[in-house]
Protein backbone atom coordinates (compact mmCIF):
# COMPACT_ATOMS: atom_id res chain seq x y z
CA UNK A 1 24.20 76.17 78.49
CA UNK A 2 27.01 74.09 77.02
CA UNK A 3 28.47 74.05 73.55
CA UNK A 4 30.67 76.30 71.39
CA UNK A 5 28.04 79.07 71.18
CA UNK A 6 27.52 79.32 74.93
CA UNK A 7 27.08 82.99 75.86
CA UNK A 8 25.54 84.04 72.53
CA UNK A 9 22.06 85.52 72.98
CA UNK A 10 19.50 85.10 70.20
CA UNK A 11 15.95 86.39 69.74
CA UNK A 12 13.90 84.24 67.36
CA UNK A 13 10.74 85.61 65.82
CA UNK A 14 8.75 82.39 65.58
CA UNK A 15 7.78 81.26 62.10
CA UNK A 16 7.87 78.01 60.14
CA UNK A 17 10.46 76.15 58.08
CA UNK A 18 14.00 77.48 57.82
CA UNK A 19 13.99 80.06 60.61
CA UNK A 20 13.15 77.63 63.46
CA UNK A 21 15.61 75.14 61.95
CA UNK A 22 18.40 77.73 62.08
CA UNK A 23 17.39 78.68 65.64
CA UNK A 24 17.43 75.01 66.64
CA UNK A 25 20.93 74.65 65.25
CA UNK A 26 22.17 77.65 67.23
CA UNK A 27 20.45 76.47 70.42
CA UNK A 28 21.85 72.96 69.93
CA UNK A 29 25.31 74.54 69.89
CA UNK A 30 24.72 76.25 73.24
CA UNK A 31 23.34 79.67 72.31
CA UNK A 32 20.59 81.06 74.52
CA UNK A 33 17.69 81.39 72.11
CA UNK A 34 14.38 82.84 73.22
CA UNK A 35 11.35 82.46 70.99
CA UNK A 36 8.94 85.33 70.55
CA UNK A 37 5.66 83.62 69.73
CA UNK A 38 2.51 85.39 68.64
CA UNK A 39 0.09 85.79 71.51
CA UNK A 40 -2.69 83.61 70.12
CA UNK A 41 -6.32 84.55 70.23
CA UNK A 42 -8.45 82.05 72.18
CA UNK A 43 -9.66 79.25 69.92
CA UNK A 44 -7.49 80.37 66.97
CA UNK A 45 -6.96 77.65 64.36
CA UNK A 46 -3.56 76.70 62.95
CA UNK A 47 -2.76 74.81 59.72
CA UNK A 48 0.22 73.26 61.53
CA UNK A 49 -1.19 71.54 64.65
CA UNK A 50 2.21 70.05 65.60
CA UNK A 51 3.54 73.54 66.41
CA UNK A 52 3.75 74.27 70.10
CA UNK A 53 3.64 70.61 71.09
CA UNK A 54 6.32 68.18 72.25
CA UNK A 55 6.45 66.87 68.68
CA UNK A 56 7.65 70.24 67.37
CA UNK A 57 11.26 69.05 67.29
CA UNK A 58 12.60 72.22 65.68
CA UNK A 59 11.41 74.20 68.72
CA UNK A 60 13.54 72.24 71.14
CA UNK A 61 16.06 73.72 73.52
CA UNK A 62 14.54 77.20 73.87
CA UNK A 63 12.07 79.05 76.03
CA UNK A 64 9.01 80.82 74.67
CA UNK A 65 7.67 84.30 75.26
CA UNK A 66 4.25 85.07 73.77
CA UNK A 67 3.86 88.75 72.89
CA UNK A 68 1.02 90.70 71.30
CA UNK A 69 3.01 92.54 68.63
CA UNK A 70 -0.11 94.39 67.48
CA UNK A 71 0.12 96.22 70.78
CA UNK A 72 2.65 99.07 71.05
CA UNK A 73 3.71 97.81 74.48
CA UNK A 74 4.39 94.37 72.97
CA UNK A 75 6.56 95.86 70.23
CA UNK A 76 8.38 97.94 72.83
CA UNK A 77 9.06 94.84 74.91
CA UNK A 78 10.37 93.01 71.85
CA UNK A 79 12.74 95.88 71.08
CA UNK A 80 14.07 95.89 74.65
CA UNK A 81 14.92 92.19 74.23
CA UNK A 82 16.54 92.84 70.86
CA UNK A 83 18.68 95.56 72.46
CA UNK A 84 20.18 92.90 74.72
CA UNK A 85 20.69 90.25 72.00
CA UNK A 86 23.62 89.34 69.80
CA UNK A 87 21.37 87.96 67.05
CA UNK A 88 17.83 88.40 65.77
CA UNK A 89 16.32 85.72 63.51
CA UNK A 90 13.22 86.24 61.39
CA UNK A 91 11.69 84.46 58.41
CA UNK A 92 8.77 86.65 57.33
CA UNK A 93 8.15 88.16 53.91
CA UNK A 94 10.21 91.30 53.20
CA UNK A 95 8.66 94.32 54.90
CA UNK A 96 6.78 92.56 57.70
CA UNK A 97 9.32 93.40 60.41
CA UNK A 98 9.66 96.96 59.07
CA UNK A 99 5.90 97.48 59.42
CA UNK A 100 6.14 96.38 63.04
CA UNK A 101 8.87 98.92 63.68
CA UNK A 102 11.33 96.08 64.22
CA UNK A 103 13.18 96.20 60.91
CA UNK A 104 16.97 96.26 60.58
CA UNK A 105 17.32 100.04 60.62
CA UNK A 106 15.27 100.37 63.81
CA UNK A 107 17.03 97.51 65.58
CA UNK A 108 20.58 98.38 64.55
CA UNK A 109 20.02 101.96 65.69
CA UNK A 110 19.21 100.64 69.16
CA UNK A 111 21.79 97.82 69.08
CA UNK A 112 24.65 98.59 66.67
CA UNK A 113 26.34 95.21 67.25
CA UNK A 114 23.23 93.22 66.37
CA UNK A 115 23.41 90.52 63.70
CA UNK A 116 20.02 90.65 61.98
CA UNK A 117 19.40 87.27 60.33
CA UNK A 118 16.66 87.11 57.68
CA UNK A 119 15.59 84.06 55.69
CA UNK A 120 13.09 84.08 52.84
CA UNK A 121 12.42 82.00 49.76
CA UNK A 122 13.29 84.54 47.07
CA UNK A 123 15.49 86.92 49.08
CA UNK A 124 14.97 90.47 50.31
CA UNK A 125 15.19 91.92 46.79
CA UNK A 126 14.46 90.83 43.24
CA UNK A 127 11.38 90.55 41.02
CA UNK A 128 9.89 87.68 43.05
CA UNK A 129 10.74 89.02 46.51
CA UNK A 130 7.11 89.63 47.47
CA UNK A 131 5.65 86.53 45.78
CA UNK A 132 4.27 83.61 47.73
CA UNK A 133 6.19 80.36 47.52
CA UNK A 134 7.27 77.19 49.25
CA UNK A 135 10.35 75.00 49.30
CA UNK A 136 9.51 73.21 46.06
CA UNK A 137 9.29 76.52 44.18
CA UNK A 138 12.63 77.83 45.44
CA UNK A 139 14.42 74.59 44.59
CA UNK A 140 12.76 74.62 41.16
CA UNK A 141 14.22 78.06 40.42
CA UNK A 142 17.74 76.96 41.42
CA UNK A 143 18.02 74.22 38.78
CA UNK A 144 18.31 71.54 41.43
CA UNK A 145 14.75 70.23 41.24
CA UNK A 146 15.03 69.63 37.50
CA UNK A 147 18.19 67.62 38.13
CA UNK A 148 16.56 65.22 40.60
CA UNK A 149 14.57 62.07 39.91
CA UNK A 150 13.94 59.52 37.19
CA UNK A 151 14.04 60.41 33.50
CA UNK A 152 10.55 59.10 32.70
CA UNK A 153 8.62 61.08 35.31
CA UNK A 154 8.39 64.66 36.64
CA UNK A 155 11.01 65.64 39.23
CA UNK A 156 9.86 64.52 42.70
CA UNK A 157 9.73 66.92 45.65
CA UNK A 158 12.96 66.27 47.63
CA UNK A 159 11.06 66.64 50.91
CA UNK A 160 11.92 70.15 52.09
CA UNK A 161 15.54 69.28 52.74
CA UNK A 162 17.10 71.27 49.89
CA UNK A 163 15.27 74.58 50.22
CA UNK A 164 13.96 75.03 53.75
CA UNK A 165 16.68 73.27 55.69
CA UNK A 166 19.86 72.93 53.61
CA UNK A 167 19.55 76.00 51.41
CA UNK A 168 17.67 78.10 53.95
CA UNK A 169 18.07 77.27 57.63
CA UNK A 170 21.63 75.98 57.51
CA UNK A 171 22.75 78.88 55.32
CA UNK A 172 21.14 81.32 57.74
CA UNK A 173 22.83 79.69 60.74
CA UNK A 174 26.19 79.71 58.94
CA UNK A 175 25.78 83.32 57.88
CA UNK A 176 24.78 84.41 61.37
CA UNK A 177 27.79 82.76 63.00
CA UNK A 178 30.08 84.37 60.38
CA UNK A 179 28.55 87.78 61.13
CA UNK A 180 28.84 87.30 64.90
CA UNK A 181 32.55 86.53 64.52
CA UNK A 182 33.00 89.66 62.40
CA UNK A 183 30.97 91.83 64.81
CA UNK A 184 33.24 90.82 67.65
CA UNK A 185 36.18 92.26 65.68
CA UNK A 186 34.52 95.34 64.23
CA UNK A 187 31.95 96.15 66.89
CA UNK A 188 29.36 96.49 64.15
CA UNK A 189 26.38 94.34 63.32
CA UNK A 190 24.83 93.77 59.91
CA UNK A 191 21.98 92.11 58.04
CA UNK A 192 22.31 88.51 56.84
CA UNK A 193 20.03 87.95 53.83
CA UNK A 194 19.59 84.18 53.38
CA UNK A 195 17.46 83.27 50.35
CA UNK A 196 16.48 79.68 49.75
CA UNK A 197 16.94 80.14 46.00
CA UNK A 198 20.54 81.24 46.62
CA UNK A 199 21.19 78.45 49.10
CA UNK A 200 19.69 75.69 46.97
CA UNK A 201 21.78 76.90 44.01
CA UNK A 202 24.91 76.90 46.18
CA UNK A 203 24.25 73.30 47.19
CA UNK A 204 24.45 72.48 43.48
CA UNK A 205 27.90 74.07 43.02
CA UNK A 206 29.54 70.79 42.01
CA UNK A 207 26.85 69.98 39.45
CA UNK A 208 27.15 73.42 37.87
CA UNK A 209 30.91 72.90 37.62
CA UNK A 210 30.50 69.48 36.05
CA UNK A 211 27.92 70.86 33.62
CA UNK A 212 30.33 73.59 32.55
CA UNK A 213 33.06 70.99 31.98
CA UNK A 214 30.74 68.87 29.83
CA UNK A 215 30.70 66.10 32.43
CA UNK A 216 27.07 66.46 33.48
CA UNK A 217 24.21 65.78 31.11
CA UNK A 218 21.08 67.90 31.15
CA UNK A 219 19.09 64.65 31.10
CA UNK A 220 17.90 63.34 34.47
CA UNK A 221 19.09 59.81 35.30
CA UNK A 222 21.93 60.27 32.81
CA UNK A 223 24.76 61.06 35.21
CA UNK A 224 26.98 59.46 37.79
CA UNK A 225 25.13 60.66 40.89
CA UNK A 226 21.50 60.99 39.78
CA UNK A 227 20.54 57.32 39.36
CA UNK A 228 21.97 56.99 35.87
CA UNK A 229 24.98 54.93 36.88
CA UNK A 230 23.98 51.33 37.76
CA UNK A 231 26.67 51.19 40.44
CA UNK A 232 25.34 54.29 42.24
CA UNK A 233 21.66 53.67 42.83
CA UNK A 234 19.02 52.04 45.00
CA UNK A 235 17.54 48.60 44.36
CA UNK A 236 14.53 46.62 45.54
CA UNK A 237 15.06 43.36 47.40
CA UNK A 238 13.05 40.14 47.62
CA UNK A 239 11.09 41.42 50.64
CA UNK A 240 10.12 44.74 49.03
CA UNK A 241 12.70 46.70 51.02
CA UNK A 242 15.60 48.59 49.48
CA UNK A 243 19.37 48.86 49.52
CA UNK A 244 21.80 51.52 48.30
CA UNK A 245 24.97 50.89 46.30
CA UNK A 246 27.71 53.51 45.80
CA UNK A 247 30.54 51.46 44.25
CA UNK A 248 32.07 54.22 42.11
CA UNK A 249 35.80 53.61 42.60
CA UNK A 250 37.38 50.56 40.87
CA UNK A 251 38.30 48.78 44.10
CA UNK A 252 34.79 49.17 45.49
CA UNK A 253 33.17 47.94 42.28
CA UNK A 254 35.55 44.97 42.15
CA UNK A 255 34.57 44.04 45.70
CA UNK A 256 30.88 44.28 44.77
CA UNK A 257 31.35 41.88 41.85
CA UNK A 258 33.43 39.50 43.95
CA UNK A 259 31.01 39.31 46.87
CA UNK A 260 27.96 38.94 44.63
CA UNK A 261 29.67 36.41 42.32
CA UNK A 262 29.34 38.40 39.09
CA UNK A 263 31.80 37.33 36.36
CA UNK A 264 30.09 38.47 33.15
CA UNK A 265 32.53 40.57 31.01
CA UNK A 266 29.72 43.10 30.59
CA UNK A 267 30.51 44.42 34.07
CA UNK A 268 34.02 45.43 32.93
CA UNK A 269 32.43 47.94 30.52
CA UNK A 270 30.62 49.86 33.23
CA UNK A 271 31.94 53.30 32.19
CA UNK A 272 30.35 53.00 28.76
CA UNK A 273 26.98 54.73 29.24
CA UNK A 274 25.51 52.69 26.40
CA UNK A 275 25.68 49.63 28.70
CA UNK A 276 24.14 51.35 31.74
CA UNK A 277 20.53 50.31 31.06
CA UNK A 278 21.49 46.64 30.65
CA UNK A 279 23.72 46.73 33.75
CA UNK A 280 20.88 48.35 35.67
CA UNK A 281 18.62 45.45 34.72
CA UNK A 282 21.26 42.91 35.73
CA UNK A 283 21.70 44.49 39.14
CA UNK A 284 17.95 44.82 39.61
CA UNK A 285 17.53 41.09 38.93
CA UNK A 286 20.46 40.25 41.22
CA UNK A 287 19.23 42.22 44.23
CA UNK A 288 15.76 40.73 43.94
CA UNK A 289 17.23 37.31 44.77
CA UNK A 290 17.73 38.08 48.47
CA UNK A 291 16.00 40.03 51.22
CA UNK A 292 17.42 43.29 52.45
CA UNK A 293 18.69 41.65 55.65
CA UNK A 294 20.42 38.94 53.66
CA UNK A 295 22.21 41.56 51.58
CA UNK A 296 23.16 43.38 54.78
CA UNK A 297 24.78 40.24 56.15
CA UNK A 298 26.79 39.88 52.95
CA UNK A 299 27.69 43.48 52.11
CA UNK A 300 27.31 45.80 55.10
CA UNK A 301 30.61 47.04 56.49
CA UNK A 302 32.58 45.91 53.43
CA UNK A 303 34.42 47.94 50.78
CA UNK A 304 31.36 47.88 48.51
CA UNK A 305 29.94 51.24 49.72
CA UNK A 306 26.64 49.74 50.80
CA UNK A 307 23.85 50.60 53.21
CA UNK A 308 20.26 49.48 53.72
CA UNK A 309 17.59 52.08 52.95
CA UNK A 310 15.97 52.60 56.35
CA UNK A 311 12.68 54.22 57.24
CA UNK A 312 12.17 56.71 60.06
CA UNK A 313 11.49 53.96 62.59
CA UNK A 314 14.37 51.73 61.54
CA UNK A 315 17.07 54.43 61.34
CA UNK A 316 17.29 55.21 65.09
CA UNK A 317 17.55 51.47 65.84
CA UNK A 318 20.43 50.74 63.47
CA UNK A 319 23.52 49.60 65.44
CA UNK A 320 25.76 52.31 63.96
CA UNK A 321 23.33 55.12 64.76
CA UNK A 322 22.72 53.67 68.21
CA UNK A 323 26.45 53.42 68.96
CA UNK A 324 27.06 57.03 67.94
CA UNK A 325 23.96 58.41 69.61
CA UNK A 326 22.79 59.85 66.30
CA UNK A 327 19.27 59.99 67.70
CA UNK A 328 18.02 60.97 71.16
CA UNK A 329 14.67 60.71 72.88
CA UNK A 330 13.30 63.90 74.42
CA UNK A 331 9.97 63.83 76.24
CA UNK A 332 9.10 60.56 74.50
CA UNK A 333 9.91 61.90 71.00
CA UNK A 334 12.74 60.22 69.08
CA UNK A 335 14.67 62.82 67.07
CA UNK A 336 18.11 63.54 65.61
CA UNK A 337 20.74 64.59 68.12
CA UNK A 338 22.66 67.87 67.75
CA UNK A 339 25.39 67.75 65.12
CA UNK A 340 28.31 68.07 64.54
CA UNK A 341 30.31 66.83 67.52
CA UNK A 342 32.95 68.84 69.40
CA UNK A 343 35.94 67.42 71.27
CA UNK A 344 36.15 70.12 73.95
CA UNK A 345 32.93 72.14 74.02
CA UNK A 346 30.50 69.24 73.86
CA UNK A 347 26.84 70.01 73.35
CA UNK A 348 24.15 68.87 75.77
CA UNK A 349 20.95 67.01 75.00
CA UNK A 350 18.40 69.74 74.17
CA UNK A 351 15.40 70.36 76.35
CA UNK A 352 11.87 69.63 75.18
CA UNK A 353 10.01 72.36 73.26
CA UNK A 354 8.18 74.91 75.36
CA UNK A 355 4.55 75.59 74.63
CA UNK A 356 3.98 79.13 73.30
CA UNK A 357 4.22 81.64 76.12
CA UNK A 358 5.14 79.08 78.78
CA UNK A 359 8.21 81.05 79.89
CA UNK A 360 7.11 84.63 79.28
CA UNK A 361 7.62 86.11 82.73
CA UNK A 362 10.81 84.15 83.43
CA UNK A 363 12.41 85.30 80.17
CA UNK A 364 11.54 88.94 80.79
CA UNK A 365 12.97 88.77 84.31
CA UNK A 366 16.16 87.07 83.12
CA UNK A 367 16.63 89.67 80.38
CA UNK A 368 16.40 92.64 82.72
CA UNK A 369 12.72 93.59 82.96
CA UNK A 370 11.56 94.74 86.39
CA UNK A 371 8.78 92.92 88.16
CA UNK A 372 6.67 96.07 87.90
CA UNK A 373 7.03 96.23 84.11
CA UNK A 374 6.30 92.51 83.79
CA UNK A 375 3.15 92.92 85.83
CA UNK A 376 2.09 95.84 83.63
CA UNK A 377 2.54 93.71 80.50
CA UNK A 378 0.55 90.91 82.05
CA UNK A 379 -2.30 93.17 83.14
CA UNK A 380 -2.35 94.78 79.69
CA UNK A 381 -2.66 91.28 78.15
CA UNK A 382 0.50 91.90 76.15
CA UNK A 383 2.01 88.63 77.43
């Protein structure tokens, strides 16, 4: 393994959403992450058919061990792996791992240096801790969903970027690395409780500060960064495609007016919110006069703060992304490359996802199980 986390051993209890995203981030950085998948019953259905296939991008870069955790021997095998790990990651509802005998108290007793990373929507404690939920619900509770979208329609779901991945998976990965650094000083592990409600709220730190200062309106589409400002927004073009403009600073706005030939004195009053609707209309009319590619030829790479709005097929082909290697192709699947970049401990291109259980015996052997014990697990249909 290469990367700054080379040598760190992680056990991932396979789930969906933020936990595999955090595990992917750690594996991308060079950690050895093994996935403990559920040993599936023959013919079992799944609501997420992409899981366990080469298209399951968030499963990349790690091997898979399928264990029957309903079997005492399977739980025992899992604990033996956890004893040898630096980190455990799990994303189940509070209490699930405890009922398996694999909760924090059990694991830290066997491995006092273990960092036990947990990610849930509502957190391990609180009135909603046991309630069902999904990304949209957690973001809604943080105040961030209300703050997103157009004023004349309900807030749109922001994909699952804010809760699952930004507020959940990335916060878990950050917390785990912090705890690993501390454990190497103290010799003691601990539990990392990453809640998507907490993480989504933290992502809104700037907005909460601006609101407290009286600089952020409670009205959607009434602020500088939420589509209210006509110089920080997206616009349709003549071909039905879109562009983005972020000309906040005076020099950037001046360049925008110069390159687009706008001389109306109205544009000099851009900080007066009363003029924002009219300026929005002017810009909308302007950008409909050319195609997106024509605007790119005029504005891309200038001091305007401009970029075309690309779809998932176009983005990997853009010259800037191509030059930086922002996307890679793994087993025929185009996907984002590991990020960020490191000058000395460069990361490698991740391997393709393993199908559930594809590496069971190899993982057990590599992590210290004898061939006799592996054979017993196989014969007992635990693996």
